[in-house]
Structures are given as C-alpha cells and as structure tokens.
C-alpha cells in the first residue's frame, strides 16, 4: 500500500517538444469543435415526459408545425401614436 502522506515526485518536464511525438494530428477535432454541439439539458419533469431523443424531436417538430399554422399579425407600417404634450399654466 502506498503512503498517502508521501508526496509524489514531479514528473512533468519544464518543456515538451511535440514535434518528436508520433501519432499526433494537429487540428484533428477542430471541425467538430467549431461546429458546436446540439445537446440540451432537460429538467427532470421534461425528461420523464420525453425519455428518448426521438420523443423530444417529435414533440419539437409538432410544436414547429403548430406555430407555422398560426397566422401571424402583420406589423403596422404606421408609427405608434405619440402622447400629447401636457400644457401647464405658468404663474
């Protein structure tokens, strides 16, 4: 059994020359890293209702279809009415 009170020797070198190491590929995972991730953390109640990836995707697709079927109100091109200035009597 190792003595937990004894400090381990420092095995790190002050500098490493990675050009001499075999097998390394520069930027191997860069494209996937830059692409980001599509993971989302679900709250427990939501995860119980949608236990699989397929269930979550189906629910979101249904929501998108429902939202697309709702007619959207057209934005008015007119500016909203401005409040009238209040006149005060100076005395």
Protein backbone atom coordinates (compact mmCIF):
# COMPACT_ATOMS: atom_id res chain seq x y z
CA UNK A 1 0.00 0.00 0.00
CA UNK A 2 1.31 3.46 -0.89
CA UNK A 3 1.91 6.01 1.80
CA UNK A 4 -0.69 8.79 1.23
CA UNK A 5 1.40 11.28 3.20
CA UNK A 6 4.42 10.92 0.90
CA UNK A 7 4.39 13.45 -1.95
CA UNK A 8 4.70 12.09 -5.49
CA UNK A 9 7.79 13.23 -7.41
CA UNK A 10 7.20 15.90 -10.04
CA UNK A 11 7.27 14.00 -13.34
CA UNK A 12 6.50 16.96 -15.60
CA UNK A 13 9.25 18.34 -17.76
CA UNK A 14 9.67 22.10 -17.96
CA UNK A 15 9.12 21.92 -21.73
CA UNK A 16 7.89 19.31 -24.24
CA UNK A 17 8.77 19.03 -27.93
CA UNK A 18 5.58 17.72 -29.50
CA UNK A 19 7.11 17.58 -32.99
CA UNK A 20 9.05 14.48 -31.89
CA UNK A 21 5.94 12.65 -30.64
CA UNK A 22 4.43 10.12 -33.02
CA UNK A 23 0.73 9.81 -33.79
CA UNK A 24 -0.38 13.36 -33.10
CA UNK A 25 -2.51 15.12 -35.68
CA UNK A 26 -2.83 18.89 -35.46
CA UNK A 27 -6.45 20.05 -35.54
CA UNK A 28 -7.89 16.52 -35.62
CA UNK A 29 -11.08 17.51 -33.78
CA UNK A 30 -11.18 21.20 -34.70
CA UNK A 31 -14.02 20.98 -37.24
CA UNK A 32 -16.30 19.14 -34.81
CA UNK A 33 -15.36 21.56 -32.02
CA UNK A 34 -16.19 24.60 -34.13
CA UNK A 35 -19.47 23.05 -35.25
CA UNK A 36 -20.62 23.17 -31.66
CA UNK A 37 -22.98 20.81 -30.02
CA UNK A 38 -26.66 20.11 -30.22
CA UNK A 39 -27.06 18.80 -26.70
CA UNK A 40 -29.64 20.31 -24.38
CA UNK A 41 -30.04 19.67 -20.67
CA UNK A 42 -33.62 18.76 -19.84
CA UNK A 43 -35.23 19.37 -16.48
CA UNK A 44 -36.32 16.18 -14.72
CA UNK A 45 -40.04 16.64 -15.36
CA UNK A 46 -39.42 17.19 -19.07
CA UNK A 47 -37.06 14.20 -19.27
CA UNK A 48 -39.76 11.99 -17.72
CA UNK A 49 -42.27 13.14 -20.32
CA UNK A 50 -39.79 12.74 -23.21
CA UNK A 51 -37.45 9.87 -22.28
CA UNK A 52 -35.79 9.40 -25.69
CA UNK A 53 -34.19 11.58 -28.36
CA UNK A 54 -36.94 10.56 -30.75
CA UNK A 55 -39.66 11.68 -28.33
CA UNK A 56 -38.04 15.09 -27.91
CA UNK A 57 -37.59 15.53 -31.67
CA UNK A 58 -41.20 14.52 -32.40
CA UNK A 59 -42.53 16.96 -29.81
CA UNK A 60 -40.43 19.82 -31.16
CA UNK A 61 -41.46 19.07 -34.74
CA UNK A 62 -45.13 19.12 -33.68
CA UNK A 63 -44.56 22.46 -31.96
CA UNK A 64 -42.92 23.88 -35.09
CA UNK A 65 -45.84 22.71 -37.24
CA UNK A 66 -48.37 24.20 -34.82
CA UNK A 67 -46.51 27.50 -34.72
CA UNK A 68 -46.28 27.61 -38.52
CA UNK A 69 -50.03 27.11 -38.87
CA UNK A 70 -50.93 30.14 -36.74
CA UNK A 71 -51.48 33.20 -38.92
CA UNK A 72 -49.21 35.99 -37.86
CA UNK A 73 -50.46 39.55 -37.47
CA UNK A 74 -48.95 41.93 -39.95
CA UNK A 75 -46.82 44.62 -38.46
CA UNK A 76 -48.29 48.05 -38.90
CA UNK A 77 -46.24 50.38 -41.04
CA UNK A 78 -47.58 53.36 -39.13
CA UNK A 79 -45.74 54.74 -36.17
CA UNK A 80 -47.49 54.36 -32.83
CA UNK A 81 -49.33 57.48 -31.65
CA UNK A 82 -47.21 59.87 -29.67
CA UNK A 83 -48.50 61.15 -26.34
CA UNK A 84 -49.76 64.75 -26.44
CA UNK A 85 -47.79 67.36 -24.59
CA UNK A 86 -49.31 68.49 -21.34
CA UNK A 87 -49.68 72.23 -21.01
CA UNK A 88 -49.13 73.76 -17.63
CA UNK A 89 -50.06 77.23 -16.51
CA UNK A 90 -47.11 79.36 -15.61
CA UNK A 91 -47.74 81.85 -12.96
